Amino acid sequence: MPVSKKQQACVNRYVKENYDRINVTMAKGRKEILRQAAEKYGLSINGYINLAIAEKLEKDMDVE
């Protein structure tokens, strides 16, 4: 079922107000490796990357 323009505008506004966006550039082929690793844990690529960053920050910076 398609999303209306008004619904999409609301989602976009929510994302803009509540999330920071970061573009990540990597070598060709890495995205597929990330997708496979994420799938192994039942995560999206975004979820997998966020988990990896959170674990690294916790280890390096004592950030929870």
PDB file of N, CA and C in Angstrom:
ATOM      1  N   MET A   1       0.842  -1.175   0.000  1.00  0.00           N
ATOM      2  CA  MET A   1       0.000   0.000   0.000  1.00  0.00           C
ATOM      3  C   MET A   1       0.890   1.241   0.000  1.00  0.00           C
ATOM      4  N   PRO A   2       0.713   2.115  -0.970  1.00  0.00           N
ATOM      5  CA  PRO A   2       1.551   3.316  -1.054  1.00  0.00           C
ATOM      6  C   PRO A   2       1.300   4.277   0.107  1.00  0.00           C
ATOM      7  N   VAL A   3       2.327   4.997   0.461  1.00  0.00           N
ATOM      8  CA  VAL A   3       2.250   5.991   1.535  1.00  0.00           C
ATOM      9  C   VAL A   3       1.906   7.336   0.905  1.00  0.00           C
ATOM     10  N   SER A   4       0.991   8.069   1.523  1.00  0.00           N
ATOM     11  CA  SER A   4       0.614   9.379   0.993  1.00  0.00           C
ATOM     12  C   SER A   4       1.761  10.379   1.184  1.00  0.00           C
ATOM     13  N   LYS A   5       1.722  11.433   0.404  1.00  0.00           N
ATOM     14  CA  LYS A   5       2.751  12.477   0.523  1.00  0.00           C
ATOM     15  C   LYS A   5       2.741  13.093   1.915  1.00  0.00           C
ATOM     16  N   LYS A   6       1.545  13.260   2.490  1.00  0.00           N
ATOM     17  CA  LYS A   6       1.429  13.843   3.827  1.00  0.00           C
ATOM     18  C   LYS A   6       2.064  12.916   4.866  1.00  0.00           C
ATOM     19  N   GLN A   7       1.808  11.608   4.766  1.00  0.00           N
ATOM     20  CA  GLN A   7       2.408  10.642   5.694  1.00  0.00           C
ATOM     21  C   GLN A   7       3.923  10.653   5.576  1.00  0.00           C
ATOM     22  N   GLN A   8       4.429  10.678   4.342  1.00  0.00           N
ATOM     23  CA  GLN A   8       5.873  10.682   4.136  1.00  0.00           C
ATOM     24  C   GLN A   8       6.493  11.954   4.688  1.00  0.00           C
ATOM     25  N   ALA A   9       5.808  13.086   4.515  1.00  0.00           N
ATOM     26  CA  ALA A   9       6.305  14.356   5.052  1.00  0.00           C
ATOM     27  C   ALA A   9       6.395  14.294   6.575  1.00  0.00           C
ATOM     28  N   CYS A  10       5.410  13.657   7.213  1.00  0.00           N
ATOM     29  CA  CYS A  10       5.431  13.516   8.673  1.00  0.00           C
ATOM     30  C   CYS A  10       6.602  12.637   9.118  1.00  0.00           C
ATOM     31  N   VAL A  11       6.828  11.545   8.418  1.00  0.00           N
ATOM     32  CA  VAL A  11       7.946  10.652   8.739  1.00  0.00           C
ATOM     33  C   VAL A  11       9.262  11.396   8.561  1.00  0.00           C
ATOM     34  N   ASN A  12       9.401  12.113   7.447  1.00  0.00           N
ATOM     35  CA  ASN A  12      10.639  12.859   7.185  1.00  0.00           C
ATOM     36  C   ASN A  12      10.890  13.905   8.268  1.00  0.00           C
ATOM     37  N   ARG A  13       9.841  14.595   8.701  1.00  0.00           N
ATOM     38  CA  ARG A  13       9.984  15.601   9.761  1.00  0.00           C
ATOM     39  C   ARG A  13      10.417  14.940  11.070  1.00  0.00           C
ATOM     40  N   TYR A  14       9.802  13.819  11.401  1.00  0.00           N
ATOM     41  CA  TYR A  14      10.161  13.089  12.623  1.00  0.00           C
ATOM     42  C   TYR A  14      11.630  12.671  12.585  1.00  0.00           C
ATOM     43  N   VAL A  15      12.060  12.103  11.473  1.00  0.00           N
ATOM     44  CA  VAL A  15      13.453  11.661  11.338  1.00  0.00           C
ATOM     45  C   VAL A  15      14.398  12.843  11.477  1.00  0.00           C
ATOM     46  N   LYS A  16      14.074  13.949  10.825  1.00  0.00           N
ATOM     47  CA  LYS A  16      14.932  15.134  10.882  1.00  0.00           C
ATOM     48  C   LYS A  16      15.074  15.667  12.307  1.00  0.00           C
ATOM     49  N   GLU A  17      13.984  15.603  13.080  1.00  0.00           N
ATOM     50  CA  GLU A  17      13.993  16.131  14.442  1.00  0.00           C
ATOM     51  C   GLU A  17      14.630  15.184  15.455  1.00  0.00           C
ATOM     52  N   ASN A  18      14.695  13.887  15.147  1.00  0.00           N
ATOM     53  CA  ASN A  18      15.101  12.913  16.152  1.00  0.00           C
ATOM     54  C   ASN A  18      16.357  12.109  15.829  1.00  0.00           C
ATOM     55  N   TYR A  19      16.899  12.259  14.645  1.00  0.00           N
ATOM     56  CA  TYR A  19      18.052  11.456  14.249  1.00  0.00           C
ATOM     57  C   TYR A  19      19.095  12.316  13.551  1.00  0.00           C
ATOM     58  N   ASP A  20      20.351  11.932  13.698  1.00  0.00           N
ATOM     59  CA  ASP A  20      21.431  12.510  12.909  1.00  0.00           C
ATOM     60  C   ASP A  20      21.699  11.558  11.751  1.00  0.00           C
ATOM     61  N   ARG A  21      22.006  12.105  10.604  1.00  0.00           N
ATOM     62  CA  ARG A  21      22.327  11.282   9.442  1.00  0.00           C
ATOM     63  C   ARG A  21      23.819  11.399   9.149  1.00  0.00           C
ATOM     64  N   ILE A  22      24.422  10.269   8.793  1.00  0.00           N
ATOM     65  CA  ILE A  22      25.830  10.225   8.421  1.00  0.00           C
ATOM     66  C   ILE A  22      25.934   9.375   7.161  1.00  0.00           C
ATOM     67  N   ASN A  23      26.588   9.888   6.135  1.00  0.00           N
ATOM     68  CA  ASN A  23      26.860   9.104   4.937  1.00  0.00           C
ATOM     69  C   ASN A  23      28.146   8.327   5.144  1.00  0.00           C
ATOM     70  N   VAL A  24      28.132   7.072   4.782  1.00  0.00           N
ATOM     71  CA  VAL A  24      29.320   6.231   4.904  1.00  0.00           C
ATOM     72  C   VAL A  24      29.702   5.757   3.508  1.00  0.00           C
ATOM     73  N   THR A  25      30.951   5.957   3.143  1.00  0.00           N
ATOM     74  CA  THR A  25      31.457   5.504   1.855  1.00  0.00           C
ATOM     75  C   THR A  25      32.476   4.410   2.107  1.00  0.00           C
ATOM     76  N   MET A  26      32.337   3.315   1.359  1.00  0.00           N
ATOM     77  CA  MET A  26      33.258   2.194   1.530  1.00  0.00           C
ATOM     78  C   MET A  26      33.543   1.560   0.183  1.00  0.00           C
ATOM     79  N   ALA A  27      34.529   0.715   0.147  1.00  0.00           N
ATOM     80  CA  ALA A  27      34.935   0.047  -1.089  1.00  0.00           C
ATOM     81  C   ALA A  27      33.810  -0.835  -1.622  1.00  0.00           C
ATOM     82  N   LYS A  28      33.742  -0.954  -2.934  1.00  0.00           N
ATOM     83  CA  LYS A  28      32.759  -1.835  -3.577  1.00  0.00           C
ATOM     84  C   LYS A  28      32.851  -3.222  -2.960  1.00  0.00           C
ATOM     85  N   GLY A  29      31.692  -3.819  -2.743  1.00  0.00           N
ATOM     86  CA  GLY A  29      31.638  -5.167  -2.190  1.00  0.00           C
ATOM     87  C   GLY A  29      31.444  -5.213  -0.688  1.00  0.00           C
ATOM     88  N   ARG A  30      31.830  -4.155   0.005  1.00  0.00           N
ATOM     89  CA  ARG A  30      31.689  -4.140   1.474  1.00  0.00           C
ATOM     90  C   ARG A  30      30.231  -4.110   1.904  1.00  0.00           C
ATOM     91  N   LYS A  31      29.373  -3.448   1.127  1.00  0.00           N
ATOM     92  CA  LYS A  31      27.964  -3.362   1.479  1.00  0.00           C
ATOM     93  C   LYS A  31      27.343  -4.762   1.511  1.00  0.00           C
ATOM     94  N   GLU A  32      27.695  -5.596   0.563  1.00  0.00           N
ATOM     95  CA  GLU A  32      27.166  -6.961   0.533  1.00  0.00           C
ATOM     96  C   GLU A  32      27.660  -7.757   1.737  1.00  0.00           C
ATOM     97  N   ILE A  33      28.900  -7.567   2.127  1.00  0.00           N
ATOM     98  CA  ILE A  33      29.449  -8.238   3.310  1.00  0.00           C
ATOM     99  C   ILE A  33      28.686  -7.771   4.557  1.00  0.00           C
ATOM    100  N   LEU A  34      28.448  -6.472   4.648  1.00  0.00           N
ATOM    101  CA  LEU A  34      27.672  -5.924   5.770  1.00  0.00           C
ATOM    102  C   LEU A  34      26.260  -6.504   5.784  1.00  0.00           C
ATOM    103  N   ARG A  35      25.624  -6.584   4.616  1.00  0.00           N
ATOM    104  CA  ARG A  35      24.275  -7.123   4.524  1.00  0.00           C
ATOM    105  C   ARG A  35      24.226  -8.550   5.033  1.00  0.00           C
ATOM    106  N   GLN A  36      25.205  -9.367   4.639  1.00  0.00           N
ATOM    107  CA  GLN A  36      25.250 -10.761   5.083  1.00  0.00           C
ATOM    108  C   GLN A  36      25.477 -10.857   6.588  1.00  0.00           C
ATOM    109  N   ALA A  37      26.364 -10.035   7.117  1.00  0.00           N
ATOM    110  CA  ALA A  37      26.630 -10.053   8.559  1.00  0.00           C
ATOM    111  C   ALA A  37      25.393  -9.611   9.332  1.00  0.00           C
ATOM    112  N   ALA A  38      24.730  -8.573   8.868  1.00  0.00           N
ATOM    113  CA  ALA A  38      23.519  -8.074   9.524  1.00  0.00           C
ATOM    114  C   ALA A  38      22.430  -9.138   9.495  1.00  0.00           C
ATOM    115  N   GLU A  39      22.267  -9.774   8.362  1.00  0.00           N
ATOM    116  CA  GLU A  39      21.251 -10.814   8.206  1.00  0.00           C
ATOM    117  C   GLU A  39      21.478 -11.962   9.185  1.00  0.00           C
ATOM    118  N   LYS A  40      22.739 -12.281   9.426  1.00  0.00           N
ATOM    119  CA  LYS A  40      23.097 -13.351  10.356  1.00  0.00           C
ATOM    120  C   LYS A  40      22.521 -13.090  11.753  1.00  0.00           C
ATOM    121  N   TYR A  41      22.439 -11.814  12.141  1.00  0.00           N
ATOM    122  CA  TYR A  41      21.943 -11.431  13.465  1.00  0.00           C
ATOM    123  C   TYR A  41      20.508 -10.907  13.422  1.00  0.00           C
ATOM    124  N   GLY A  42      19.872 -11.001  12.253  1.00  0.00           N
ATOM    125  CA  GLY A  42      18.493 -10.535  12.130  1.00  0.00           C
ATOM    126  C   GLY A  42      18.358  -9.027  12.183  1.00  0.00           C
ATOM    127  N   LEU A  43      19.384  -8.322  11.735  1.00  0.00           N
ATOM    128  CA  LEU A  43      19.396  -6.864  11.765  1.00  0.00           C
ATOM    129  C   LEU A  43      19.411  -6.286  10.355  1.00  0.00           C
ATOM    130  N   SER A  44      19.015  -5.034  10.255  1.00  0.00           N
ATOM    131  CA  SER A  44      19.214  -4.285   9.013  1.00  0.00           C
ATOM    132  C   SER A  44      20.690  -3.878   8.956  1.00  0.00           C
ATOM    133  N   ILE A  45      21.127  -3.424   7.802  1.00  0.00           N
ATOM    134  CA  ILE A  45      22.506  -2.919   7.693  1.00  0.00           C
ATOM    135  C   ILE A  45      22.685  -1.751   8.655  1.00  0.00           C
ATOM    136  N   ASN A  46      21.709  -0.854   8.705  1.00  0.00           N
ATOM    137  CA  ASN A  46      21.773   0.287   9.608  1.00  0.00           C
ATOM    138  C   ASN A  46      21.870  -0.172  11.064  1.00  0.00           C
ATOM    139  N   GLY A  47      21.044  -1.132  11.442  1.00  0.00           N
ATOM    140  CA  GLY A  47      21.074  -1.654  12.804  1.00  0.00           C
ATOM    141  C   GLY A  47      22.405  -2.285  13.148  1.00  0.00           C
ATOM    142  N   TYR A  48      22.964  -3.022  12.195  1.00  0.00           N
ATOM    143  CA  TYR A  48      24.255  -3.676  12.400  1.00  0.00           C
ATOM    144  C   TYR A  48      25.367  -2.638  12.592  1.00  0.00           C
ATOM    145  N   ILE A  49      25.369  -1.621  11.743  1.00  0.00           N
ATOM    146  CA  ILE A  49      26.385  -0.565  11.851  1.00  0.00           C
ATOM    147  C   ILE A  49      26.242   0.170  13.182  1.00  0.00           C
ATOM    148  N   ASN A  50      25.006   0.485  13.575  1.00  0.00           N
ATOM    149  CA  ASN A  50      24.788   1.170  14.854  1.00  0.00           C
ATOM    150  C   ASN A  50      25.240   0.314  16.031  1.00  0.00           C
ATOM    151  N   LEU A  51      24.976  -0.986  15.970  1.00  0.00           N
ATOM    152  CA  LEU A  51      25.423  -1.891  17.029  1.00  0.00           C
ATOM    153  C   LEU A  51      26.946  -1.927  17.102  1.00  0.00           C
ATOM    154  N   ALA A  52      27.593  -2.024  15.950  1.00  0.00           N
ATOM    155  CA  ALA A  52      29.062  -2.052  15.911  1.00  0.00           C
ATOM    156  C   ALA A  52      29.649  -0.761  16.481  1.00  0.00           C
ATOM    157  N   ILE A  53      29.071   0.367  16.124  1.00  0.00           N
ATOM    158  CA  ILE A  53      29.552   1.651  16.633  1.00  0.00           C
ATOM    159  C   ILE A  53      29.336   1.735  18.140  1.00  0.00           C
ATOM    160  N   ALA A  54      28.168   1.323  18.605  1.00  0.00           N
ATOM    161  CA  ALA A  54      27.866   1.369  20.040  1.00  0.00           C
ATOM    162  C   ALA A  54      28.843   0.504  20.825  1.00  0.00           C
ATOM    163  N   GLU A  55      29.131  -0.702  20.326  1.00  0.00           N
ATOM    164  CA  GLU A  55      30.076  -1.586  21.008  1.00  0.00           C
ATOM    165  C   GLU A  55      31.473  -0.978  21.041  1.00  0.00           C
ATOM    166  N   LYS A  56      31.901  -0.376  19.948  1.00  0.00           N
ATOM    167  CA  LYS A  56      33.226   0.245  19.887  1.00  0.00           C
ATOM    168  C   LYS A  56      33.307   1.446  20.822  1.00  0.00           C
ATOM    169  N   LEU A  57      32.253   2.281  20.824  1.00  0.00           N
ATOM    170  CA  LEU A  57      32.242   3.444  21.721  1.00  0.00           C
ATOM    171  C   LEU A  57      32.248   3.015  23.175  1.00  0.00           C
ATOM    172  N   GLU A  58      31.471   1.984  23.503  1.00  0.00           N
ATOM    173  CA  GLU A  58      31.437   1.502  24.883  1.00  0.00           C
ATOM    174  C   GLU A  58      32.818   1.043  25.320  1.00  0.00           C
ATOM    175  N   LYS A  59      33.506   0.343  24.432  1.00  0.00           N
ATOM    176  CA  LYS A  59      34.845  -0.162  24.748  1.00  0.00           C
ATOM    177  C   LYS A  59      35.861   0.972  24.881  1.00  0.00           C
ATOM    178  N   ASP A  60      35.809   1.923  23.945  1.00  0.00           N
ATOM    179  CA  ASP A  60      36.828   2.980  23.895  1.00  0.00           C
ATOM    180  C   ASP A  60      36.537   4.184  24.775  1.00  0.00           C
ATOM    181  N   MET A  61      35.252   4.501  24.960  1.00  0.00           N
ATOM    182  CA  MET A  61      34.906   5.766  25.587  1.00  0.00           C
ATOM    183  C   MET A  61      34.037   5.638  26.828  1.00  0.00           C
ATOM    184  N   ASP A  62      33.737   4.443  27.232  1.00  0.00           N
ATOM    185  CA  ASP A  62      32.817   4.213  28.350  1.00  0.00           C
ATOM    186  C   ASP A  62      31.484   4.932  28.122  1.00  0.00           C
ATOM    187  N   VAL A  63      31.010   4.885  26.868  1.00  0.00           N
ATOM    188  CA  VAL A  63      29.715   5.462  26.499  1.00  0.00           C
ATOM    189  C   VAL A  63      28.696   4.339  26.460  1.00  0.00           C
ATOM    190  N   GLU A  64      27.542   4.565  27.061  1.00  0.00           N
ATOM    191  CA  GLU A  64      26.493   3.534  27.042  1.00  0.00           C
ATOM    192  C   GLU A  64      25.463   3.827  25.995  1.00  0.00           C
TER     193      GLU A  64
END
